[in-house]
C-alpha atoms as a PDB file:
ATOM      1  CA  UNK A   1       9.719  83.155  -5.972  1.00  0.00           C
ATOM      2  CA  UNK A   2       6.492  81.230  -6.894  1.00  0.00           C
ATOM      3  CA  UNK A   3       6.877  77.783  -8.188  1.00  0.00           C
ATOM      4  CA  UNK A   4       3.937  76.193 -10.228  1.00  0.00           C
ATOM      5  CA  UNK A   5       3.684  72.438 -10.090  1.00  0.00           C
ATOM      6  CA  UNK A   6       1.847  70.766 -12.819  1.00  0.00           C
ATOM      7  CA  UNK A   7       0.654  67.270 -13.149  1.00  0.00           C
ATOM      8  CA  UNK A   8       0.520  65.095 -16.350  1.00  0.00           C
ATOM      9  CA  UNK A   9      -2.104  66.620 -18.489  1.00  0.00           C
ATOM     10  CA  UNK A  10      -3.833  66.644 -21.842  1.00  0.00           C
ATOM     11  CA  UNK A  11      -6.133  69.257 -23.497  1.00  0.00           C
ATOM     12  CA  UNK A  12      -7.440  66.907 -26.248  1.00  0.00           C
ATOM     13  CA  UNK A  13     -11.059  65.728 -25.693  1.00  0.00           C
ATOM     14  CA  UNK A  14     -11.518  62.029 -24.961  1.00  0.00           C
ATOM     15  CA  UNK A  15      -7.715  61.652 -24.166  1.00  0.00           C
ATOM     16  CA  UNK A  16      -7.140  59.016 -21.387  1.00  0.00           C
ATOM     17  CA  UNK A  17      -3.869  57.940 -19.933  1.00  0.00           C
ATOM     18  CA  UNK A  18      -2.865  54.238 -20.110  1.00  0.00           C
ATOM     19  CA  UNK A  19      -1.386  52.163 -17.245  1.00  0.00           C
ATOM     20  CA  UNK A  20       2.051  52.584 -18.582  1.00  0.00           C
ATOM     21  CA  UNK A  21       1.514  56.460 -18.597  1.00  0.00           C
ATOM     22  CA  UNK A  22       1.207  56.746 -14.834  1.00  0.00           C
ATOM     23  CA  UNK A  23       3.044  55.486 -11.796  1.00  0.00           C
ATOM     24  CA  UNK A  24       0.972  54.412  -8.766  1.00  0.00           C
ATOM     25  CA  UNK A  25       0.140  57.531  -6.831  1.00  0.00           C
ATOM     26  CA  UNK A  26       0.575  59.801  -9.855  1.00  0.00           C
ATOM     27  CA  UNK A  27      -2.266  61.799 -11.372  1.00  0.00           C
ATOM     28  CA  UNK A  28      -3.160  63.003 -14.752  1.00  0.00           C
ATOM     29  CA  UNK A  29      -5.838  65.413 -15.871  1.00  0.00           C
ATOM     30  CA  UNK A  30      -7.682  66.226 -19.022  1.00  0.00           C
ATOM     31  CA  UNK A  31      -8.242  69.998 -18.989  1.00  0.00           C
ATOM     32  CA  UNK A  32     -10.700  69.823 -21.891  1.00  0.00           C
ATOM     33  CA  UNK A  33     -13.040  67.137 -20.467  1.00  0.00           C
ATOM     34  CA  UNK A  34     -12.471  68.122 -16.856  1.00  0.00           C
ATOM     35  CA  UNK A  35     -11.524  64.590 -15.695  1.00  0.00           C
ATOM     36  CA  UNK A  36      -8.805  63.501 -13.268  1.00  0.00           C
ATOM     37  CA  UNK A  37      -7.150  60.004 -13.679  1.00  0.00           C
ATOM     38  CA  UNK A  38      -5.171  57.638 -11.409  1.00  0.00           C
ATOM     39  CA  UNK A  39      -3.788  54.119 -11.645  1.00  0.00           C
ATOM     40  CA  UNK A  40      -5.237  51.401  -9.582  1.00  0.00           C
ATOM     41  CA  UNK A  41      -3.499  48.105  -8.795  1.00  0.00           C
ATOM     42  CA  UNK A  42      -5.457  45.042  -7.327  1.00  0.00           C
ATOM     43  CA  UNK A  43      -3.239  42.055  -6.823  1.00  0.00           C
ATOM     44  CA  UNK A  44      -1.191  43.074  -9.894  1.00  0.00           C
ATOM     45  CA  UNK A  45      -4.108  43.893 -11.993  1.00  0.00           C
ATOM     46  CA  UNK A  46      -3.780  47.550 -13.122  1.00  0.00           C
ATOM     47  CA  UNK A  47      -6.434  49.981 -14.423  1.00  0.00           C
ATOM     48  CA  UNK A  48      -6.988  53.629 -14.919  1.00  0.00           C
ATOM     49  CA  UNK A  49      -9.842  55.046 -12.783  1.00  0.00           C
ATOM     50  CA  UNK A  50     -11.614  58.263 -13.516  1.00  0.00           C
ATOM     51  CA  UNK A  51     -12.869  61.054 -11.293  1.00  0.00           C
ATOM     52  CA  UNK A  52     -15.505  63.469 -12.721  1.00  0.00           C
ATOM     53  CA  UNK A  53     -17.154  66.107 -10.632  1.00  0.00           C
ATOM     54  CA  UNK A  54     -16.253  64.108  -7.475  1.00  0.00           C
ATOM     55  CA  UNK A  55     -17.664  60.761  -8.715  1.00  0.00           C
ATOM     56  CA  UNK A  56     -15.270  57.915  -9.259  1.00  0.00           C
ATOM     57  CA  UNK A  57     -15.774  55.756 -12.391  1.00  0.00           C
ATOM     58  CA  UNK A  58     -15.452  52.320 -11.037  1.00  0.00           C
ATOM     59  CA  UNK A  59     -15.298  49.026 -12.966  1.00  0.00           C
ATOM     60  CA  UNK A  60     -18.382  46.862 -13.182  1.00  0.00           C
ATOM     61  CA  UNK A  61     -17.419  44.466 -10.555  1.00  0.00           C
ATOM     62  CA  UNK A  62     -16.227  47.298  -8.263  1.00  0.00           C
ATOM     63  CA  UNK A  63     -19.469  49.157  -8.733  1.00  0.00           C
ATOM     64  CA  UNK A  64     -21.579  46.102  -8.084  1.00  0.00           C
ATOM     65  CA  UNK A  65     -19.720  45.506  -4.889  1.00  0.00           C
ATOM     66  CA  UNK A  66     -19.960  49.007  -3.714  1.00  0.00           C
ATOM     67  CA  UNK A  67     -23.621  49.557  -4.494  1.00  0.00           C
ATOM     68  CA  UNK A  68     -24.888  46.122  -3.184  1.00  0.00           C
ATOM     69  CA  UNK A  69     -26.849  47.160  -0.241  1.00  0.00           C
ATOM     70  CA  UNK A  70     -24.996  50.546   0.116  1.00  0.00           C
ATOM     71  CA  UNK A  71     -26.995  52.971  -1.943  1.00  0.00           C
ATOM     72  CA  UNK A  72     -28.670  55.129   0.602  1.00  0.00           C
ATOM     73  CA  UNK A  73     -28.750  58.447  -1.209  1.00  0.00           C
ATOM     74  CA  UNK A  74     -30.707  60.000  -4.122  1.00  0.00           C
ATOM     75  CA  UNK A  75     -29.109  59.873  -7.530  1.00  0.00           C
ATOM     76  CA  UNK A  76     -29.425  63.354  -8.901  1.00  0.00           C
ATOM     77  CA  UNK A  77     -27.758  64.733 -12.099  1.00  0.00           C
ATOM     78  CA  UNK A  78     -25.442  67.763 -11.741  1.00  0.00           C
ATOM     79  CA  UNK A  79     -27.802  69.698 -14.107  1.00  0.00           C
ATOM     80  CA  UNK A  80     -31.528  69.651 -15.299  1.00  0.00           C
ATOM     81  CA  UNK A  81     -32.155  67.542 -18.470  1.00  0.00           C
ATOM     82  CA  UNK A  82     -28.421  67.004 -19.415  1.00  0.00           C
ATOM     83  CA  UNK A  83     -27.888  63.330 -18.931  1.00  0.00           C
ATOM     84  CA  UNK A  84     -29.662  60.027 -19.766  1.00  0.00           C
ATOM     85  CA  UNK A  85     -30.099  56.712 -18.059  1.00  0.00           C
ATOM     86  CA  UNK A  86     -28.916  54.202 -20.633  1.00  0.00           C
ATOM     87  CA  UNK A  87     -28.775  54.842 -24.360  1.00  0.00           C
ATOM     88  CA  UNK A  88     -30.446  53.653 -27.549  1.00  0.00           C
ATOM     89  CA  UNK A  89     -27.762  50.951 -28.070  1.00  0.00           C
ATOM     90  CA  UNK A  90     -27.176  50.182 -24.293  1.00  0.00           C
ATOM     91  CA  UNK A  91     -30.397  49.716 -22.424  1.00  0.00           C
ATOM     92  CA  UNK A  92     -31.376  48.376 -19.046  1.00  0.00           C
ATOM     93  CA  UNK A  93     -33.464  45.174 -18.898  1.00  0.00           C
ATOM     94  CA  UNK A  94     -35.890  45.716 -16.106  1.00  0.00           C
ATOM     95  CA  UNK A  95     -36.811  48.710 -13.918  1.00  0.00           C
ATOM     96  CA  UNK A  96     -38.216  48.066 -10.378  1.00  0.00           C
ATOM     97  CA  UNK A  97     -39.896  50.891  -8.736  1.00  0.00           C
ATOM     98  CA  UNK A  98     -42.650  51.458  -6.064  1.00  0.00           C
ATOM     99  CA  UNK A  99     -46.165  52.038  -7.088  1.00  0.00           C
ATOM    100  CA  UNK A 100     -46.198  55.840  -7.530  1.00  0.00           C
ATOM    101  CA  UNK A 101     -42.671  56.984  -8.436  1.00  0.00           C
ATOM    102  CA  UNK A 102     -42.663  57.593 -12.275  1.00  0.00           C
ATOM    103  CA  UNK A 103     -42.887  61.224 -12.983  1.00  0.00           C
ATOM    104  CA  UNK A 104     -42.820  62.258 -16.658  1.00  0.00           C
ATOM    105  CA  UNK A 105     -42.654  66.039 -17.209  1.00  0.00           C
ATOM    106  CA  UNK A 106     -44.887  66.546 -14.241  1.00  0.00           C
ATOM    107  CA  UNK A 107     -47.418  63.777 -14.999  1.00  0.00           C
ATOM    108  CA  UNK A 108     -47.366  60.635 -12.803  1.00  0.00           C
ATOM    109  CA  UNK A 109     -47.964  57.000 -13.425  1.00  0.00           C
ATOM    110  CA  UNK A 110     -48.886  54.906 -10.385  1.00  0.00           C
ATOM    111  CA  UNK A 111     -49.676  51.177  -9.888  1.00  0.00           C
ATOM    112  CA  UNK A 112     -51.410  49.101  -7.175  1.00  0.00           C
ATOM    113  CA  UNK A 113     -49.186  46.176  -8.212  1.00  0.00           C
ATOM    114  CA  UNK A 114     -52.047  44.376 -10.188  1.00  0.00           C
ATOM    115  CA  UNK A 115     -52.804  44.290 -13.916  1.00  0.00           C
ATOM    116  CA  UNK A 116     -50.396  45.173 -16.773  1.00  0.00           C
ATOM    117  CA  UNK A 117     -50.170  47.582 -19.630  1.00  0.00           C
ATOM    118  CA  UNK A 118     -48.643  46.311 -22.961  1.00  0.00           C
ATOM    119  CA  UNK A 119     -47.419  48.797 -25.563  1.00  0.00           C
ATOM    120  CA  UNK A 120     -46.681  47.715 -29.120  1.00  0.00           C
ATOM    121  CA  UNK A 121     -46.680  49.147 -32.625  1.00  0.00           C
ATOM    122  CA  UNK A 122     -50.316  48.446 -32.921  1.00  0.00           C
ATOM    123  CA  UNK A 123     -51.297  50.364 -29.805  1.00  0.00           C
ATOM    124  CA  UNK A 124     -51.589  50.011 -26.054  1.00  0.00           C
ATOM    125  CA  UNK A 125     -53.372  46.943 -24.423  1.00  0.00           C
ATOM    126  CA  UNK A 126     -55.139  47.934 -21.204  1.00  0.00           C
ATOM    127  CA  UNK A 127     -56.372  45.480 -18.523  1.00  0.00           C
ATOM    128  CA  UNK A 128     -60.086  44.641 -18.488  1.00  0.00           C
ATOM    129  CA  UNK A 129     -62.071  47.254 -16.581  1.00  0.00           C
ATOM    130  CA  UNK A 130     -59.772  50.099 -17.414  1.00  0.00           C
ATOM    131  CA  UNK A 131     -61.222  53.512 -16.632  1.00  0.00           C
ATOM    132  CA  UNK A 132     -60.901  57.096 -17.552  1.00  0.00           C
ATOM    133  CA  UNK A 133     -60.802  59.793 -14.758  1.00  0.00           C
ATOM    134  CA  UNK A 134     -63.365  62.485 -15.368  1.00  0.00           C
ATOM    135  CA  UNK A 135     -62.459  64.452 -12.289  1.00  0.00           C
ATOM    136  CA  UNK A 136     -64.316  64.968  -8.974  1.00  0.00           C
ATOM    137  CA  UNK A 137     -63.823  61.198  -8.141  1.00  0.00           C
ATOM    138  CA  UNK A 138     -65.793  60.302 -11.319  1.00  0.00           C
ATOM    139  CA  UNK A 139     -64.543  57.426 -13.394  1.00  0.00           C
ATOM    140  CA  UNK A 140     -65.948  55.718 -16.423  1.00  0.00           C
ATOM    141  CA  UNK A 141     -65.131  52.309 -17.774  1.00  0.00           C
ATOM    142  CA  UNK A 142     -63.364  52.446 -21.174  1.00  0.00           C
ATOM    143  CA  UNK A 143     -62.619  48.773 -21.767  1.00  0.00           C
ATOM    144  CA  UNK A 144     -64.210  47.336 -24.956  1.00  0.00           C
ATOM    145  CA  UNK A 145     -64.760  44.013 -23.114  1.00  0.00           C
ATOM    146  CA  UNK A 146     -68.425  43.495 -22.118  1.00  0.00           C
ATOM    147  CA  UNK A 147     -69.539  43.659 -18.541  1.00  0.00           C
ATOM    148  CA  UNK A 148     -69.157  40.314 -16.751  1.00  0.00           C
ATOM    149  CA  UNK A 149     -67.276  38.985 -19.628  1.00  0.00           C
ATOM    150  CA  UNK A 150     -70.016  39.684 -22.209  1.00  0.00           C
ATOM    151  CA  UNK A 151     -68.892  39.824 -25.932  1.00  0.00           C
ATOM    152  CA  UNK A 152     -67.900  43.260 -27.202  1.00  0.00           C
ATOM    153  CA  UNK A 153     -70.125  44.857 -29.817  1.00  0.00           C
ATOM    154  CA  UNK A 154     -68.801  45.701 -33.338  1.00  0.00           C
ATOM    155  CA  UNK A 155     -70.621  48.678 -34.891  1.00  0.00           C
ATOM    156  CA  UNK A 156     -70.099  49.567 -38.506  1.00  0.00           C
ATOM    157  CA  UNK A 157     -69.725  53.105 -39.648  1.00  0.00           C
ATOM    158  CA  UNK A 158     -71.144  53.994 -43.088  1.00  0.00           C
ATOM    159  CA  UNK A 159     -70.082  57.076 -45.105  1.00  0.00           C
ATOM    160  CA  UNK A 160     -71.244  58.627 -48.426  1.00  0.00           C
ATOM    161  CA  UNK A 161     -68.257  57.444 -50.146  1.00  0.00           C
ATOM    162  CA  UNK A 162     -68.370  53.846 -48.921  1.00  0.00           C
ATOM    163  CA  UNK A 163     -72.262  53.666 -49.248  1.00  0.00           C
ATOM    164  CA  UNK A 164     -74.570  51.423 -47.243  1.00  0.00           C
ATOM    165  CA  UNK A 165     -73.188  48.076 -48.423  1.00  0.00           C
ATOM    166  CA  UNK A 166     -69.643  48.608 -47.242  1.00  0.00           C
ATOM    167  CA  UNK A 167     -68.704  50.000 -43.937  1.00  0.00           C
ATOM    168  CA  UNK A 168     -65.965  52.568 -43.872  1.00  0.00           C
ATOM    169  CA  UNK A 169     -64.722  51.335 -40.618  1.00  0.00           C
ATOM    170  CA  UNK A 170     -65.866  49.314 -37.536  1.00  0.00           C
ATOM    171  CA  UNK A 171     -65.867  50.552 -33.947  1.00  0.00           C
ATOM    172  CA  UNK A 172     -65.865  48.105 -30.943  1.00  0.00           C
ATOM    173  CA  UNK A 173     -68.063  49.199 -28.038  1.00  0.00           C
ATOM    174  CA  UNK A 174     -68.472  47.632 -24.525  1.00  0.00           C
ATOM    175  CA  UNK A 175     -71.881  46.010 -24.431  1.00  0.00           C
ATOM    176  CA  UNK A 176     -74.228  47.288 -21.877  1.00  0.00           C
ATOM    177  CA  UNK A 177     -78.028  46.500 -21.704  1.00  0.00           C
ATOM    178  CA  UNK A 178     -78.854  49.967 -20.501  1.00  0.00           C
ATOM    179  CA  UNK A 179     -77.212  51.671 -23.466  1.00  0.00           C
ATOM    180  CA  UNK A 180     -79.079  53.428 -26.195  1.00  0.00           C
ATOM    181  CA  UNK A 181     -79.383  51.773 -29.655  1.00  0.00           C
ATOM    182  CA  UNK A 182     -79.700  53.726 -32.869  1.00  0.00           C
ATOM    183  CA  UNK A 183     -80.922  51.962 -36.016  1.00  0.00           C
ATOM    184  CA  UNK A 184     -82.748  54.684 -38.097  1.00  0.00           C
ATOM    185  CA  UNK A 185     -81.291  58.030 -39.245  1.00  0.00           C
ATOM    186  CA  UNK A 186     -82.605  60.771 -41.440  1.00  0.00           C
ATOM    187  CA  UNK A 187     -79.975  62.387 -43.844  1.00  0.00           C
ATOM    188  CA  UNK A 188     -79.832  66.004 -44.706  1.00  0.00           C
ATOM    189  CA  UNK A 189     -81.670  65.455 -47.912  1.00  0.00           C
ATOM    190  CA  UNK A 190     -84.687  64.003 -46.109  1.00  0.00           C
ATOM    191  CA  UNK A 191     -83.855  60.334 -46.984  1.00  0.00           C
ATOM    192  CA  UNK A 192     -84.480  58.009 -44.082  1.00  0.00           C
ATOM    193  CA  UNK A 193     -82.163  55.195 -43.264  1.00  0.00           C
ATOM    194  CA  UNK A 194     -84.509  52.577 -41.765  1.00  0.00           C
ATOM    195  CA  UNK A 195     -82.941  49.050 -40.918  1.00  0.00           C
ATOM    196  CA  UNK A 196     -84.231  47.516 -37.740  1.00  0.00           C
ATOM    197  CA  UNK A 197     -81.936  44.587 -38.359  1.00  0.00           C
ATOM    198  CA  UNK A 198     -78.673  46.581 -38.205  1.00  0.00           C
ATOM    199  CA  UNK A 199     -77.400  48.512 -35.278  1.00  0.00           C
ATOM    200  CA  UNK A 200     -75.935  51.761 -36.589  1.00  0.00           C
ATOM    201  CA  UNK A 201     -74.707  53.173 -33.315  1.00  0.00           C
ATOM    202  CA  UNK A 202     -74.697  51.752 -29.810  1.00  0.00           C
ATOM    203  CA  UNK A 203     -73.796  54.006 -26.772  1.00  0.00           C
END
């Protein structure tokens, strides 16, 4: 005759036993969440510990003691793109990594340990001398700060709607003595804009 032995159990999601529900050495299982529980006693202080997929859920102090100098394995989720690190309401403060270890969807971010990038609601602030990679080891400077600290050049853009008295917008360009300056333009109707005092475009 076969005898089935069952431990304390619940099929309700989120159900967790209390310390009074379990004796030391007794187990409980949540068959909906797939979690196993046991009671822990340290010097008379009791707590309920959780085992999920072979990983024990430790208290904060236990986890700090255990991980301090002991983490020598990769932390890999059980499935791809199913769990998060932190949450919108519970975030980590700082993340310290080596220079070439951030991989976002196959794209990588690396650092040589100098400079900084600041991101805000108004945009990203890049270090002076920032460059864009054009491939084949060709890089071009995209910083708007002039060479050798020279003042950046503000160039007004005029449109038909705004007219020639009020600029529609202003672009900031990196000054470069070897760049080409455009001051005169001929419109489609044959009208020529001639203004030797105003720089229309600067490249």
